[in-house]
Amino acid sequence: MSAVIAWFLSNPTVLAIGAAIIGALAFGFQQRLAGAKAERNKQAADNAAAATEGQKIDDAVAGRAPDVNRERLGKWSPKQ
C-alpha cells in the first residue's frame, strides 16, 4: 500500500493533475463567494434606493419641502 502512495507522490503527472483539480475547485469556490457578495451589494443598493424613494414620497405627502423637514427633525437628531 505504501508503495502505491509513494508512486503517486513521486509521479509528476499525477501531482500536476491533482494540483489542477484542487486549483479548479478553489477557483470555483472563490467565484461563488464573489457572486454572493455582488448579489448582497446589489440588494443593499436596491434597498437604499427604495428607502430614498419612500422618503421622497413621504415628504411630498407631508406637503413640506425636504429642507423644512430636515430643519424640524434636526432638533431630534443627536448633536455631533
Protein backbone atom coordinates (compact mmCIF):
# COMPACT_ATOMS: atom_id res chain seq x y z
CA MET A 1 0.00 0.00 0.00
CA SER A 2 2.77 2.44 0.88
CA ALA A 3 4.45 1.67 -2.44
CA VAL A 4 1.33 2.82 -4.30
CA ILE A 5 1.16 6.03 -2.27
CA ALA A 6 4.88 6.65 -2.82
CA TRP A 7 4.43 6.12 -6.58
CA PHE A 8 1.53 8.63 -6.68
CA LEU A 9 3.54 11.20 -4.74
CA SER A 10 6.64 10.77 -6.88
CA ASN A 11 4.86 10.82 -10.25
CA PRO A 12 4.86 14.41 -11.59
CA THR A 13 1.89 13.79 -13.89
CA VAL A 14 -0.31 12.61 -11.03
CA LEU A 15 0.81 15.55 -8.90
CA ALA A 16 0.07 18.01 -11.72
CA ILE A 17 -3.41 16.56 -12.26
CA GLY A 18 -4.11 16.69 -8.52
CA ALA A 19 -2.90 20.28 -8.30
CA ALA A 20 -5.07 21.25 -11.28
CA ILE A 21 -8.15 19.70 -9.67
CA ILE A 22 -7.50 21.45 -6.36
CA GLY A 23 -6.86 24.75 -8.16
CA ALA A 24 -10.07 24.45 -10.17
CA LEU A 25 -12.10 23.72 -7.04
CA ALA A 26 -10.53 26.66 -5.19
CA PHE A 27 -11.24 28.98 -8.13
CA GLY A 28 -14.84 27.77 -8.30
CA PHE A 29 -15.41 28.39 -4.60
CA GLN A 30 -13.83 31.84 -4.85
CA GLN A 31 -16.09 32.76 -7.77
CA ARG A 32 -19.14 31.50 -5.91
CA LEU A 33 -18.29 33.67 -2.89
CA ALA A 34 -17.64 36.69 -5.13
CA GLY A 35 -21.01 36.21 -6.83
CA ALA A 36 -22.80 36.01 -3.48
CA LYS A 37 -21.09 39.20 -2.31
CA ALA A 38 -22.03 41.01 -5.52
CA GLU A 39 -25.66 39.94 -5.09
CA ARG A 40 -25.71 41.20 -1.47
CA ASN A 41 -24.26 44.54 -2.60
CA LYS A 42 -26.83 44.80 -5.39
CA GLN A 43 -29.70 44.11 -2.99
CA ALA A 44 -28.33 46.64 -0.50
CA ALA A 45 -28.18 49.29 -3.23
CA ASP A 46 -31.74 48.45 -4.30
CA ASN A 47 -32.94 48.71 -0.70
CA ALA A 48 -31.22 52.08 -0.27
CA ALA A 49 -32.79 53.38 -3.47
CA ALA A 50 -36.22 52.18 -2.34
CA ALA A 51 -35.78 53.87 1.05
CA THR A 52 -34.77 57.14 -0.62
CA GLU A 53 -37.77 56.99 -2.93
CA GLY A 54 -40.04 56.21 0.01
CA GLN A 55 -38.68 59.20 1.89
CA LYS A 56 -39.35 61.45 -1.12
CA ILE A 57 -42.93 60.20 -1.24
CA ASP A 58 -43.38 60.75 2.49
CA ASP A 59 -42.03 64.30 2.14
CA ALA A 60 -44.37 65.01 -0.76
CA VAL A 61 -47.36 63.63 1.14
CA ALA A 62 -46.49 65.71 4.18
CA GLY A 63 -46.58 68.80 1.96
CA ARG A 64 -43.32 70.21 3.22
CA ALA A 65 -40.06 70.84 1.45
CA PRO A 66 -37.17 68.49 2.32
CA ASP A 67 -35.20 71.39 3.84
CA VAL A 68 -38.08 72.19 6.18
CA ASN A 69 -38.29 68.54 7.22
CA ARG A 70 -34.55 68.42 7.89
CA GLU A 71 -34.80 71.58 9.97
CA ARG A 72 -37.72 70.24 12.01
CA LEU A 73 -36.08 66.86 12.52
CA GLY A 74 -32.72 68.44 13.37
CA LYS A 75 -33.78 69.07 16.95
CA TRP A 76 -34.36 65.33 17.44
CA SER A 77 -31.08 64.14 15.98
CA PRO A 78 -28.02 63.88 18.24
CA LYS A 79 -25.62 66.80 18.06
CA GLN A 80 -22.12 65.97 16.89
